[in-house]
Amino acid sequence: MTPETMLSKIQVNAHSSVRIEAEGRILYVDPFALQNAPRDADLIFLTHEHFDHFSPEDIARVEKEDTVFVQPDSIREKTAPVIGNHRLVTAEPGREGEALGLRFEAVAAYNPAKPFHPREKGWVGYLLCLEGLRIYVAGDTDATPEARSLRCDIALLPIGGKYTMNPHEAAALANRIRPAAVIPIHYGSVAGSPEDYERFAAQVDPDIRVVKKI
């Protein structure tokens, strides 16, 4: 599958809430602020425990009886009452894993110089291997060495600043890792402003496609 075709299968529901339909499965990353209850999730990936990424109400809107969860071990205590008896796959920063046959790599997500997402928490973003492509959903992070060393076909990067990269920093990361397409997330509601999209897009190299999903 080409990156162009895959883009049509990626939906950003709101903020950093991502839905992808590929390989006959539906997966969510950090379901949040959903407007309906499809209960169609084969896989739910959680990046960390903050309210705009771990939302029990929104998980209930998409989970099925056989949904599989993927999450860092450091949030297990908080998520256990919500996940219950669902199958759980642990995501370790810097390690590869598999869930329902889908290969992924957990990428450390943190702020080197801000207090909001400490590295020692072990929170993550995900590099998902789908349809022969590598899709990076960054989670809440700055442009860390781990992020700058990635290679991917599509990148979903936070641009809202304060808790994550700002538009300038996120554009610099996109220009370094050079995906075919980049989708900005985490702006315009909980953090950042709607105008951050234009600030980001203006600084991304013209041979990288910037796709607006929010």
N, C-alpha and C. Protein backbone atom coordinates (compact mmCIF):
# COMPACT_ATOMS: atom_id res chain seq x y z
N MET A 1 0.84 -1.19 0.00
CA MET A 1 0.00 0.00 0.00
C MET A 1 0.88 1.24 0.00
N THR A 2 0.46 2.26 -0.70
CA THR A 2 1.20 3.51 -0.74
C THR A 2 0.82 4.40 0.45
N PRO A 3 1.71 5.31 0.85
CA PRO A 3 1.33 6.26 1.91
C PRO A 3 0.06 7.04 1.56
N GLU A 4 -0.10 7.39 0.29
CA GLU A 4 -1.28 8.14 -0.13
C GLU A 4 -2.56 7.36 0.17
N THR A 5 -2.57 6.06 -0.12
CA THR A 5 -3.75 5.25 0.16
C THR A 5 -3.97 5.10 1.65
N MET A 6 -2.90 4.93 2.41
CA MET A 6 -3.02 4.76 3.85
C MET A 6 -3.59 6.01 4.52
N LEU A 7 -3.28 7.17 4.00
CA LEU A 7 -3.79 8.40 4.61
C LEU A 7 -5.31 8.41 4.69
N SER A 8 -5.96 7.80 3.73
CA SER A 8 -7.42 7.77 3.74
C SER A 8 -7.96 6.86 4.83
N LYS A 9 -7.12 6.02 5.40
CA LYS A 9 -7.55 5.08 6.42
C LYS A 9 -7.23 5.57 7.83
N ILE A 10 -6.60 6.75 7.92
CA ILE A 10 -6.23 7.34 9.21
C ILE A 10 -7.18 8.47 9.53
N GLN A 11 -7.79 8.40 10.70
CA GLN A 11 -8.71 9.44 11.15
C GLN A 11 -8.21 9.99 12.48
N VAL A 12 -8.18 11.30 12.59
CA VAL A 12 -7.91 11.93 13.89
C VAL A 12 -9.25 12.42 14.42
N ASN A 13 -9.72 11.76 15.47
CA ASN A 13 -11.05 12.09 16.00
C ASN A 13 -11.07 13.46 16.65
N ALA A 14 -10.08 13.73 17.46
CA ALA A 14 -9.91 15.01 18.15
C ALA A 14 -8.58 14.97 18.85
N HIS A 15 -7.92 16.11 18.92
CA HIS A 15 -6.71 16.22 19.74
C HIS A 15 -5.64 15.21 19.28
N SER A 16 -5.42 14.15 20.06
CA SER A 16 -4.45 13.11 19.68
C SER A 16 -5.11 11.75 19.56
N SER A 17 -6.41 11.73 19.38
CA SER A 17 -7.18 10.49 19.29
C SER A 17 -7.20 10.01 17.84
N VAL A 18 -6.56 8.87 17.60
CA VAL A 18 -6.33 8.39 16.24
C VAL A 18 -7.05 7.05 16.03
N ARG A 19 -7.67 6.91 14.87
CA ARG A 19 -8.30 5.65 14.46
C ARG A 19 -7.72 5.25 13.11
N ILE A 20 -7.29 4.00 13.01
CA ILE A 20 -6.74 3.49 11.76
C ILE A 20 -7.43 2.19 11.41
N GLU A 21 -7.85 2.06 10.17
CA GLU A 21 -8.45 0.83 9.67
C GLU A 21 -7.52 0.24 8.62
N ALA A 22 -6.91 -0.91 8.93
CA ALA A 22 -5.94 -1.51 8.01
C ALA A 22 -5.78 -2.98 8.34
N GLU A 23 -5.46 -3.76 7.32
CA GLU A 23 -5.22 -5.19 7.47
C GLU A 23 -6.41 -5.91 8.12
N GLY A 24 -7.61 -5.44 7.82
CA GLY A 24 -8.81 -6.07 8.33
C GLY A 24 -9.07 -5.82 9.80
N ARG A 25 -8.36 -4.86 10.39
CA ARG A 25 -8.54 -4.55 11.80
C ARG A 25 -8.75 -3.06 11.98
N ILE A 26 -9.34 -2.72 13.11
CA ILE A 26 -9.51 -1.32 13.48
C ILE A 26 -8.75 -1.09 14.78
N LEU A 27 -7.87 -0.11 14.77
CA LEU A 27 -7.12 0.19 15.97
C LEU A 27 -7.26 1.66 16.33
N TYR A 28 -7.19 1.92 17.60
CA TYR A 28 -7.24 3.28 18.13
C TYR A 28 -5.97 3.54 18.92
N VAL A 29 -5.53 4.78 18.87
CA VAL A 29 -4.48 5.25 19.77
C VAL A 29 -5.09 6.38 20.59
N ASP A 30 -5.11 6.20 21.92
CA ASP A 30 -5.60 7.21 22.85
C ASP A 30 -7.00 7.72 22.50
N PRO A 31 -8.01 6.86 22.45
CA PRO A 31 -9.36 7.34 22.13
C PRO A 31 -9.82 8.42 23.10
N PHE A 32 -10.33 9.53 22.56
CA PHE A 32 -10.67 10.70 23.38
C PHE A 32 -11.66 11.57 22.63
N ALA A 33 -12.60 12.13 23.36
CA ALA A 33 -13.57 13.10 22.82
C ALA A 33 -14.33 12.55 21.62
N LEU A 34 -14.72 11.28 21.71
CA LEU A 34 -15.46 10.65 20.61
C LEU A 34 -16.92 11.10 20.64
N GLN A 35 -17.52 11.18 19.46
CA GLN A 35 -18.90 11.65 19.34
C GLN A 35 -19.90 10.51 19.21
N ASN A 36 -19.41 9.28 19.05
CA ASN A 36 -20.32 8.14 18.93
C ASN A 36 -19.70 6.94 19.63
N ALA A 37 -20.37 5.82 19.57
CA ALA A 37 -19.91 4.62 20.27
C ALA A 37 -19.95 3.43 19.32
N PRO A 38 -18.98 3.32 18.43
CA PRO A 38 -19.01 2.23 17.45
C PRO A 38 -18.67 0.86 18.03
N ARG A 39 -17.96 0.83 19.15
CA ARG A 39 -17.53 -0.44 19.77
C ARG A 39 -16.91 -1.38 18.74
N ASP A 40 -15.91 -0.85 18.03
CA ASP A 40 -15.33 -1.59 16.91
C ASP A 40 -13.83 -1.81 17.05
N ALA A 41 -13.25 -1.54 18.21
CA ALA A 41 -11.79 -1.58 18.35
C ALA A 41 -11.28 -3.01 18.49
N ASP A 42 -10.45 -3.41 17.54
CA ASP A 42 -9.72 -4.66 17.71
C ASP A 42 -8.51 -4.45 18.62
N LEU A 43 -7.89 -3.28 18.49
CA LEU A 43 -6.72 -2.93 19.29
C LEU A 43 -6.86 -1.51 19.81
N ILE A 44 -6.48 -1.30 21.06
CA ILE A 44 -6.41 0.04 21.62
C ILE A 44 -5.00 0.24 22.17
N PHE A 45 -4.29 1.22 21.61
CA PHE A 45 -2.96 1.57 22.07
C PHE A 45 -3.06 2.80 22.98
N LEU A 46 -2.48 2.72 24.16
CA LEU A 46 -2.45 3.84 25.08
C LEU A 46 -1.01 4.31 25.25
N THR A 47 -0.79 5.62 25.18
CA THR A 47 0.57 6.15 25.27
C THR A 47 0.97 6.51 26.70
N HIS A 48 0.02 7.07 27.46
CA HIS A 48 0.30 7.43 28.86
C HIS A 48 -1.01 7.72 29.57
N GLU A 49 -0.93 8.17 30.81
CA GLU A 49 -2.11 8.17 31.66
C GLU A 49 -2.82 9.51 31.77
N HIS A 50 -2.39 10.56 31.12
CA HIS A 50 -3.07 11.84 31.24
C HIS A 50 -4.48 11.78 30.65
N PHE A 51 -5.37 12.63 31.17
CA PHE A 51 -6.80 12.50 30.89
C PHE A 51 -7.13 12.58 29.41
N ASP A 52 -6.33 13.34 28.64
CA ASP A 52 -6.62 13.51 27.22
C ASP A 52 -6.03 12.39 26.37
N HIS A 53 -5.49 11.37 27.03
CA HIS A 53 -4.94 10.20 26.33
C HIS A 53 -5.49 8.90 26.90
N PHE A 54 -5.74 8.88 28.19
CA PHE A 54 -6.41 7.73 28.83
C PHE A 54 -7.77 8.21 29.34
N SER A 55 -8.80 7.92 28.56
CA SER A 55 -10.16 8.36 28.87
C SER A 55 -11.06 7.14 29.00
N PRO A 56 -11.38 6.71 30.24
CA PRO A 56 -12.24 5.54 30.41
C PRO A 56 -13.56 5.64 29.67
N GLU A 57 -14.14 6.84 29.63
CA GLU A 57 -15.42 7.00 28.96
C GLU A 57 -15.31 6.71 27.47
N ASP A 58 -14.24 7.16 26.87
CA ASP A 58 -14.08 6.94 25.44
C ASP A 58 -13.63 5.52 25.12
N ILE A 59 -12.86 4.92 26.00
CA ILE A 59 -12.52 3.51 25.82
C ILE A 59 -13.81 2.67 25.81
N ALA A 60 -14.74 2.99 26.69
CA ALA A 60 -16.00 2.25 26.74
C ALA A 60 -16.80 2.40 25.45
N ARG A 61 -16.59 3.49 24.74
CA ARG A 61 -17.32 3.72 23.49
C ARG A 61 -16.80 2.88 22.33
N VAL A 62 -15.56 2.41 22.43
CA VAL A 62 -14.97 1.69 21.29
C VAL A 62 -14.60 0.25 21.59
N GLU A 63 -14.47 -0.13 22.86
CA GLU A 63 -14.01 -1.48 23.18
C GLU A 63 -15.07 -2.53 22.86
N LYS A 64 -14.60 -3.74 22.52
CA LYS A 64 -15.44 -4.92 22.34
C LYS A 64 -15.03 -5.95 23.38
N GLU A 65 -15.72 -7.10 23.39
CA GLU A 65 -15.36 -8.13 24.35
C GLU A 65 -13.95 -8.65 24.14
N ASP A 66 -13.50 -8.67 22.88
CA ASP A 66 -12.19 -9.26 22.58
C ASP A 66 -11.14 -8.21 22.20
N THR A 67 -11.38 -6.95 22.53
CA THR A 67 -10.38 -5.91 22.26
C THR A 67 -9.09 -6.21 23.01
N VAL A 68 -7.95 -6.00 22.34
CA VAL A 68 -6.63 -6.16 22.95
C VAL A 68 -6.06 -4.77 23.21
N PHE A 69 -5.50 -4.58 24.40
CA PHE A 69 -4.90 -3.31 24.78
C PHE A 69 -3.38 -3.42 24.74
N VAL A 70 -2.74 -2.32 24.32
CA VAL A 70 -1.29 -2.20 24.34
C VAL A 70 -0.96 -0.93 25.12
N GLN A 71 -0.07 -1.03 26.10
CA GLN A 71 0.24 0.12 26.94
C GLN A 71 1.58 -0.07 27.64
N PRO A 72 2.21 1.04 28.08
CA PRO A 72 3.41 0.90 28.90
C PRO A 72 3.05 0.33 30.27
N ASP A 73 3.95 -0.44 30.83
CA ASP A 73 3.69 -1.08 32.11
C ASP A 73 3.49 -0.06 33.23
N SER A 74 4.08 1.12 33.09
CA SER A 74 4.03 2.12 34.16
C SER A 74 2.64 2.66 34.43
N ILE A 75 1.67 2.45 33.51
CA ILE A 75 0.32 2.95 33.75
C ILE A 75 -0.64 1.82 34.13
N ARG A 76 -0.10 0.63 34.37
CA ARG A 76 -0.95 -0.53 34.63
C ARG A 76 -1.89 -0.32 35.81
N GLU A 77 -1.38 0.25 36.90
CA GLU A 77 -2.21 0.42 38.09
C GLU A 77 -3.41 1.32 37.80
N LYS A 78 -3.20 2.38 37.02
CA LYS A 78 -4.29 3.30 36.73
C LYS A 78 -5.30 2.71 35.75
N THR A 79 -4.83 1.94 34.79
CA THR A 79 -5.73 1.44 33.75
C THR A 79 -6.41 0.12 34.12
N ALA A 80 -5.88 -0.60 35.09
CA ALA A 80 -6.40 -1.93 35.42
C ALA A 80 -7.90 -1.96 35.66
N PRO A 81 -8.48 -1.01 36.41
CA PRO A 81 -9.94 -1.07 36.63
C PRO A 81 -10.74 -0.90 35.34
N VAL A 82 -10.16 -0.26 34.34
CA VAL A 82 -10.86 -0.03 33.08
C VAL A 82 -10.68 -1.21 32.13
N ILE A 83 -9.46 -1.71 32.06
CA ILE A 83 -9.17 -2.80 31.12
C ILE A 83 -9.74 -4.12 31.59
N GLY A 84 -9.79 -4.33 32.90
CA GLY A 84 -10.40 -5.54 33.44
C GLY A 84 -9.75 -6.80 32.92
N ASN A 85 -10.56 -7.67 32.33
CA ASN A 85 -10.07 -8.98 31.85
C ASN A 85 -9.62 -8.97 30.40
N HIS A 86 -9.58 -7.80 29.78
CA HIS A 86 -9.09 -7.74 28.41
C HIS A 86 -7.64 -8.20 28.33
N ARG A 87 -7.28 -8.78 27.19
CA ARG A 87 -5.89 -9.14 26.97
C ARG A 87 -5.04 -7.88 26.91
N LEU A 88 -3.88 -7.92 27.56
CA LEU A 88 -3.00 -6.76 27.64
C LEU A 88 -1.61 -7.12 27.13
N VAL A 89 -1.07 -6.28 26.25
CA VAL A 89 0.28 -6.42 25.75
C VAL A 89 1.09 -5.23 26.26
N THR A 90 2.24 -5.50 26.87
CA THR A 90 3.06 -4.44 27.42
C THR A 90 3.99 -3.86 26.37
N ALA A 91 4.07 -2.54 26.35
CA ALA A 91 4.95 -1.82 25.42
C ALA A 91 6.12 -1.25 26.21
N GLU A 92 7.32 -1.68 25.89
CA GLU A 92 8.52 -1.20 26.57
C GLU A 92 9.27 -0.25 25.66
N PRO A 93 9.60 0.95 26.14
CA PRO A 93 10.32 1.90 25.29
C PRO A 93 11.57 1.29 24.67
N GLY A 94 11.69 1.47 23.35
CA GLY A 94 12.84 0.94 22.64
C GLY A 94 12.73 -0.51 22.22
N ARG A 95 11.61 -1.15 22.54
CA ARG A 95 11.44 -2.56 22.22
C ARG A 95 10.33 -2.76 21.20
N GLU A 96 10.47 -3.82 20.42
CA GLU A 96 9.42 -4.21 19.49
C GLU A 96 8.45 -5.15 20.17
N GLY A 97 7.23 -5.21 19.66
CA GLY A 97 6.22 -6.10 20.20
C GLY A 97 5.24 -6.50 19.12
N GLU A 98 4.27 -7.31 19.50
CA GLU A 98 3.25 -7.78 18.56
C GLU A 98 1.93 -7.93 19.29
N ALA A 99 0.87 -7.52 18.63
CA ALA A 99 -0.48 -7.68 19.16
C ALA A 99 -1.41 -8.02 18.01
N LEU A 100 -2.10 -9.14 18.10
CA LEU A 100 -2.98 -9.61 17.04
C LEU A 100 -2.26 -9.67 15.69
N GLY A 101 -0.99 -10.04 15.72
CA GLY A 101 -0.22 -10.15 14.50
C GLY A 101 0.33 -8.85 13.98
N LEU A 102 0.02 -7.73 14.62
CA LEU A 102 0.51 -6.43 14.21
C LEU A 102 1.82 -6.13 14.94
N ARG A 103 2.87 -5.88 14.17
CA ARG A 103 4.16 -5.55 14.75
C ARG A 103 4.22 -4.05 15.07
N PHE A 104 4.82 -3.74 16.20
CA PHE A 104 4.98 -2.34 16.59
C PHE A 104 6.28 -2.17 17.35
N GLU A 105 6.72 -0.94 17.41
CA GLU A 105 7.84 -0.57 18.27
C GLU A 105 7.37 0.54 19.20
N ALA A 106 7.65 0.40 20.47
CA ALA A 106 7.33 1.45 21.43
C ALA A 106 8.50 2.44 21.46
N VAL A 107 8.20 3.69 21.21
CA VAL A 107 9.22 4.74 21.14
C VAL A 107 9.08 5.63 22.38
N ALA A 108 10.16 5.81 23.11
CA ALA A 108 10.11 6.65 24.31
C ALA A 108 9.55 8.03 23.97
N ALA A 109 8.61 8.50 24.79
CA ALA A 109 7.97 9.81 24.60
C ALA A 109 8.12 10.60 25.89
N TYR A 110 8.81 11.73 25.81
CA TYR A 110 9.09 12.47 27.04
C TYR A 110 9.55 13.89 26.71
N ASN A 111 9.61 14.72 27.78
CA ASN A 111 10.14 16.08 27.69
C ASN A 111 11.51 16.12 28.36
N PRO A 112 12.57 16.37 27.62
CA PRO A 112 13.90 16.44 28.24
C PRO A 112 14.05 17.59 29.24
N ALA A 113 13.36 18.69 29.02
CA ALA A 113 13.59 19.89 29.84
C ALA A 113 12.31 20.48 30.42
N LYS A 114 11.22 19.73 30.39
CA LYS A 114 9.95 20.19 30.96
C LYS A 114 9.42 19.11 31.89
N PRO A 115 8.56 19.46 32.86
CA PRO A 115 8.16 18.49 33.88
C PRO A 115 6.97 17.61 33.53
N PHE A 116 6.34 17.83 32.39
CA PHE A 116 5.03 17.21 32.15
C PHE A 116 5.10 15.72 31.83
N HIS A 117 6.13 15.30 31.11
CA HIS A 117 6.26 13.90 30.69
C HIS A 117 7.69 13.44 30.97
N PRO A 118 7.99 13.10 32.22
CA PRO A 118 9.36 12.72 32.57
C PRO A 118 9.78 11.42 31.89
N ARG A 119 11.02 11.35 31.48
CA ARG A 119 11.51 10.15 30.80
C ARG A 119 11.36 8.92 31.67
N GLU A 120 11.57 9.08 32.98
CA GLU A 120 11.55 7.92 33.87
C GLU A 120 10.17 7.28 34.00
N LYS A 121 9.13 7.95 33.53
CA LYS A 121 7.79 7.35 33.57
C LYS A 121 7.66 6.18 32.59
N GLY A 122 8.51 6.15 31.58
CA GLY A 122 8.42 5.06 30.60
C GLY A 122 7.24 5.15 29.66
N TRP A 123 6.74 6.38 29.42
CA TRP A 123 5.63 6.56 28.49
C TRP A 123 6.13 6.49 27.05
N VAL A 124 5.20 6.28 26.12
CA VAL A 124 5.63 5.93 24.76
C VAL A 124 4.77 6.57 23.67
N GLY A 125 5.32 6.57 22.48
CA GLY A 125 4.58 6.67 21.23
C GLY A 125 4.73 5.32 20.54
N TYR A 126 4.15 5.18 19.37
CA TYR A 126 4.17 3.88 18.69
C TYR A 126 4.57 4.03 17.23
N LEU A 127 5.45 3.15 16.79
CA LEU A 127 5.76 2.97 15.38
C LEU A 127 5.04 1.71 14.94
N LEU A 128 3.98 1.87 14.17
CA LEU A 128 3.10 0.76 13.79
C LEU A 128 3.45 0.28 12.39
N CYS A 129 3.55 -1.02 12.23
CA CYS A 129 3.85 -1.62 10.92
C CYS A 129 2.55 -2.13 10.32
N LEU A 130 2.02 -1.39 9.35
CA LEU A 130 0.71 -1.68 8.76
C LEU A 130 0.80 -1.62 7.24
N GLU A 131 0.31 -2.65 6.58
CA GLU A 131 0.24 -2.68 5.12
C GLU A 131 1.59 -2.38 4.48
N GLY A 132 2.68 -2.85 5.10
CA GLY A 132 4.00 -2.62 4.55
C GLY A 132 4.55 -1.23 4.80
N LEU A 133 3.86 -0.42 5.60
CA LEU A 133 4.28 0.95 5.91
C LEU A 133 4.60 1.08 7.40
N ARG A 134 5.39 2.11 7.72
CA ARG A 134 5.74 2.42 9.10
C ARG A 134 5.06 3.74 9.46
N ILE A 135 4.16 3.67 10.44
CA ILE A 135 3.36 4.82 10.84
C ILE A 135 3.73 5.18 12.27
N TYR A 136 4.22 6.38 12.47
CA TYR A 136 4.67 6.84 13.79
C TYR A 136 3.61 7.73 14.41
N VAL A 137 3.03 7.28 15.52
CA VAL A 137 2.10 8.09 16.32
C VAL A 137 2.87 8.47 17.57
N ALA A 138 3.27 9.73 17.67
CA ALA A 138 4.34 10.11 18.58
C ALA A 138 3.96 10.14 20.05
N GLY A 139 2.67 10.29 20.38
CA GLY A 139 2.33 10.52 21.77
C GLY A 139 2.77 11.91 22.19
N ASP A 140 2.83 12.16 23.49
CA ASP A 140 3.22 13.47 24.00
C ASP A 140 4.73 13.49 24.21
N THR A 141 5.42 14.18 23.33
CA THR A 141 6.88 14.15 23.35
C THR A 141 7.45 15.42 22.75
N ASP A 142 8.71 15.66 23.08
CA ASP A 142 9.50 16.65 22.37
C ASP A 142 10.31 15.92 21.30
N ALA A 143 11.16 16.67 20.61
CA ALA A 143 11.98 16.08 19.55
C ALA A 143 13.20 15.42 20.19
N THR A 144 12.98 14.28 20.78
CA THR A 144 14.00 13.55 21.52
C THR A 144 14.98 12.86 20.56
N PRO A 145 16.13 12.40 21.06
CA PRO A 145 17.02 11.62 20.20
C PRO A 145 16.34 10.39 19.62
N GLU A 146 15.47 9.76 20.41
CA GLU A 146 14.75 8.58 19.91
C GLU A 146 13.86 8.94 18.74
N ALA A 147 13.16 10.06 18.83
CA ALA A 147 12.28 10.49 17.73
C ALA A 147 13.10 10.90 16.51
N ARG A 148 14.22 11.56 16.72
CA ARG A 148 15.02 12.04 15.60
C ARG A 148 15.71 10.91 14.84
N SER A 149 15.82 9.76 15.46
CA SER A 149 16.50 8.64 14.81
C SER A 149 15.55 7.74 14.02
N LEU A 150 14.25 8.03 14.06
CA LEU A 150 13.27 7.17 13.41
C LEU A 150 13.27 7.32 11.89
N ARG A 151 12.78 6.28 11.25
CA ARG A 151 12.45 6.34 9.83
C ARG A 151 11.03 5.82 9.67
N CYS A 152 10.19 6.58 9.03
CA CYS A 152 8.79 6.18 8.89
C CYS A 152 8.23 6.73 7.59
N ASP A 153 7.08 6.21 7.19
CA ASP A 153 6.40 6.65 5.98
C ASP A 153 5.38 7.75 6.27
N ILE A 154 4.72 7.65 7.43
CA ILE A 154 3.74 8.64 7.86
C ILE A 154 4.02 8.94 9.32
N ALA A 155 4.03 10.23 9.68
CA ALA A 155 4.26 10.62 11.07
C ALA A 155 3.10 11.47 11.57
N LEU A 156 2.60 11.15 12.75
CA LEU A 156 1.60 11.97 13.42
C LEU A 156 2.30 12.62 14.60
N LEU A 157 2.52 13.94 14.52
CA LEU A 157 3.36 14.65 15.46
C LEU A 157 2.57 15.71 16.23
N PRO A 158 2.77 15.80 17.55
CA PRO A 158 2.13 16.87 18.32
C PRO A 158 2.80 18.21 18.03
N ILE A 159 2.00 19.26 17.91
CA ILE A 159 2.57 20.57 17.55
C ILE A 159 2.11 21.68 18.48
N GLY A 160 1.33 21.40 19.51
CA GLY A 160 0.67 22.44 20.29
C GLY A 160 1.53 23.18 21.29
N GLY A 161 2.78 22.73 21.49
CA GLY A 161 3.64 23.42 22.43
C GLY A 161 3.26 23.15 23.88
N LYS A 162 3.97 23.76 24.80
CA LYS A 162 3.85 23.64 26.25
C LYS A 162 4.13 22.23 26.72
N TYR A 163 3.23 21.28 26.45
CA TYR A 163 3.41 19.90 26.90
C TYR A 163 4.21 19.07 25.90
N THR A 164 4.35 19.56 24.69
CA THR A 164 4.98 18.81 23.59
C THR A 164 5.79 19.78 22.73
N MET A 165 6.18 19.33 21.55
CA MET A 165 6.81 20.21 20.57
C MET A 165 5.86 21.34 20.17
N ASN A 166 6.45 22.48 19.83
CA ASN A 166 5.65 23.54 19.22
C ASN A 166 5.74 23.40 17.70
N PRO A 167 5.04 24.22 16.93
CA PRO A 167 5.06 24.04 15.48
C PRO A 167 6.45 24.06 14.87
N HIS A 168 7.31 24.97 15.33
CA HIS A 168 8.67 25.05 14.79
C HIS A 168 9.47 23.79 15.08
N GLU A 169 9.39 23.31 16.32
CA GLU A 169 10.14 22.11 16.71
C GLU A 169 9.63 20.87 15.99
N ALA A 170 8.31 20.77 15.84
CA ALA A 170 7.73 19.62 15.15
C ALA A 170 8.09 19.63 13.67
N ALA A 171 8.10 20.81 13.05
CA ALA A 171 8.48 20.91 11.64
C ALA A 171 9.94 20.51 11.45
N ALA A 172 10.80 20.92 12.37
CA ALA A 172 12.21 20.54 12.29
C ALA A 172 12.37 19.03 12.40
N LEU A 173 11.57 18.40 13.27
CA LEU A 173 11.62 16.94 13.38
C LEU A 173 11.15 16.28 12.09
N ALA A 174 10.05 16.76 11.54
CA ALA A 174 9.55 16.20 10.27
C ALA A 174 10.60 16.33 9.18
N ASN A 175 11.25 17.47 9.11
CA ASN A 175 12.27 17.67 8.08
C ASN A 175 13.48 16.77 8.28
N ARG A 176 13.72 16.36 9.52
CA ARG A 176 14.84 15.46 9.79
C ARG A 176 14.51 14.02 9.43
N ILE A 177 13.33 13.53 9.86
CA ILE A 177 13.02 12.11 9.66
C ILE A 177 12.39 11.85 8.29
N ARG A 178 11.87 12.90 7.64
CA ARG A 178 11.45 12.88 6.26
C ARG A 178 10.45 11.77 5.91
N PRO A 179 9.29 11.75 6.57
CA PRO A 179 8.22 10.85 6.11
C PRO A 179 7.66 11.34 4.79
N ALA A 180 6.94 10.47 4.10
CA ALA A 180 6.25 10.91 2.89
C ALA A 180 5.14 11.90 3.23
N ALA A 181 4.52 11.70 4.40
CA ALA A 181 3.44 12.58 4.83
C ALA A 181 3.49 12.75 6.34
N VAL A 182 3.04 13.91 6.80
CA VAL A 182 2.99 14.19 8.24
C VAL A 182 1.63 14.77 8.57
N ILE A 183 1.06 14.29 9.68
CA ILE A 183 -0.25 14.75 10.17
C ILE A 183 -0.04 15.41 11.52
N PRO A 184 -0.26 16.70 11.66
CA PRO A 184 -0.12 17.34 12.97
C PRO A 184 -1.29 17.01 13.89
N ILE A 185 -0.98 16.78 15.16
CA ILE A 185 -1.99 16.47 16.17
C ILE A 185 -1.67 17.26 17.44
N HIS A 186 -2.54 17.13 18.44
CA HIS A 186 -2.32 17.73 19.77
C HIS A 186 -2.19 19.26 19.66
N TYR A 187 -3.19 19.88 19.03
CA TYR A 187 -3.22 21.34 18.96
C TYR A 187 -4.67 21.77 18.80
N GLY A 188 -4.96 22.99 19.19
CA GLY A 188 -6.25 23.59 18.93
C GLY A 188 -7.32 23.36 19.97
N SER A 189 -7.05 22.50 20.98
CA SER A 189 -8.06 22.30 22.02
C SER A 189 -7.38 22.29 23.39
N VAL A 190 -6.88 21.15 23.83
CA VAL A 190 -6.23 21.06 25.13
C VAL A 190 -4.96 21.91 25.16
N ALA A 191 -4.25 21.97 24.06
CA ALA A 191 -3.03 22.77 23.95
C ALA A 191 -2.96 23.38 22.57
N GLY A 192 -2.28 24.52 22.48
CA GLY A 192 -2.10 25.16 21.18
C GLY A 192 -3.37 25.80 20.65
N SER A 193 -3.27 26.28 19.42
CA SER A 193 -4.39 26.97 18.78
C SER A 193 -4.60 26.42 17.38
N PRO A 194 -5.77 26.65 16.78
CA PRO A 194 -5.98 26.19 15.41
C PRO A 194 -4.96 26.75 14.43
N GLU A 195 -4.43 27.94 14.71
CA GLU A 195 -3.46 28.56 13.81
C GLU A 195 -2.12 27.83 13.79
N ASP A 196 -1.90 26.95 14.76
CA ASP A 196 -0.64 26.20 14.79
C ASP A 196 -0.46 25.35 13.54
N TYR A 197 -1.57 24.93 12.94
CA TYR A 197 -1.44 24.13 11.70
C TYR A 197 -0.71 24.92 10.63
N GLU A 198 -1.12 26.16 10.39
CA GLU A 198 -0.48 26.96 9.36
C GLU A 198 0.98 27.25 9.71
N ARG A 199 1.26 27.49 10.99
CA ARG A 199 2.65 27.75 11.40
C ARG A 199 3.51 26.52 11.14
N PHE A 200 2.97 25.35 11.42
CA PHE A 200 3.70 24.11 11.20
C PHE A 200 3.90 23.85 9.70
N ALA A 201 2.81 23.90 8.95
CA ALA A 201 2.87 23.56 7.53
C ALA A 201 3.83 24.47 6.77
N ALA A 202 3.91 25.73 7.18
CA ALA A 202 4.77 26.67 6.47
C ALA A 202 6.25 26.35 6.63
N GLN A 203 6.60 25.57 7.67
CA GLN A 203 8.01 25.29 7.94
C GLN A 203 8.44 23.88 7.53
N VAL A 204 7.50 23.06 7.07
CA VAL A 204 7.83 21.71 6.62
C VAL A 204 8.31 21.77 5.18
N ASP A 205 9.36 21.04 4.87
CA ASP A 205 9.91 21.02 3.52
C ASP A 205 8.82 20.67 2.50
N PRO A 206 8.82 21.31 1.34
CA PRO A 206 7.71 21.13 0.39
C PRO A 206 7.58 19.73 -0.18
N ASP A 207 8.63 18.90 -0.08
CA ASP A 207 8.50 17.54 -0.61
C ASP A 207 7.89 16.59 0.41
N ILE A 208 7.54 17.08 1.60
CA ILE A 208 6.83 16.28 2.60
C ILE A 208 5.38 16.77 2.63
N ARG A 209 4.46 15.88 2.40
CA ARG A 209 3.05 16.29 2.36
C ARG A 209 2.52 16.51 3.78
N VAL A 210 1.93 17.66 4.02
CA VAL A 210 1.31 17.97 5.31
C VAL A 210 -0.20 17.77 5.15
N VAL A 211 -0.78 16.94 5.99
CA VAL A 211 -2.19 16.56 5.87
C VAL A 211 -2.95 17.03 7.11
N LYS A 212 -3.99 17.80 6.87
CA LYS A 212 -4.82 18.31 7.97
C LYS A 212 -5.93 17.33 8.27
N LYS A 213 -5.98 16.84 9.50
CA LYS A 213 -7.03 15.89 9.91
C LYS A 213 -7.88 16.42 11.05
N ILE A 214 -7.47 17.54 11.65
CA ILE A 214 -8.25 18.16 12.74
C ILE A 214 -8.91 19.42 12.21
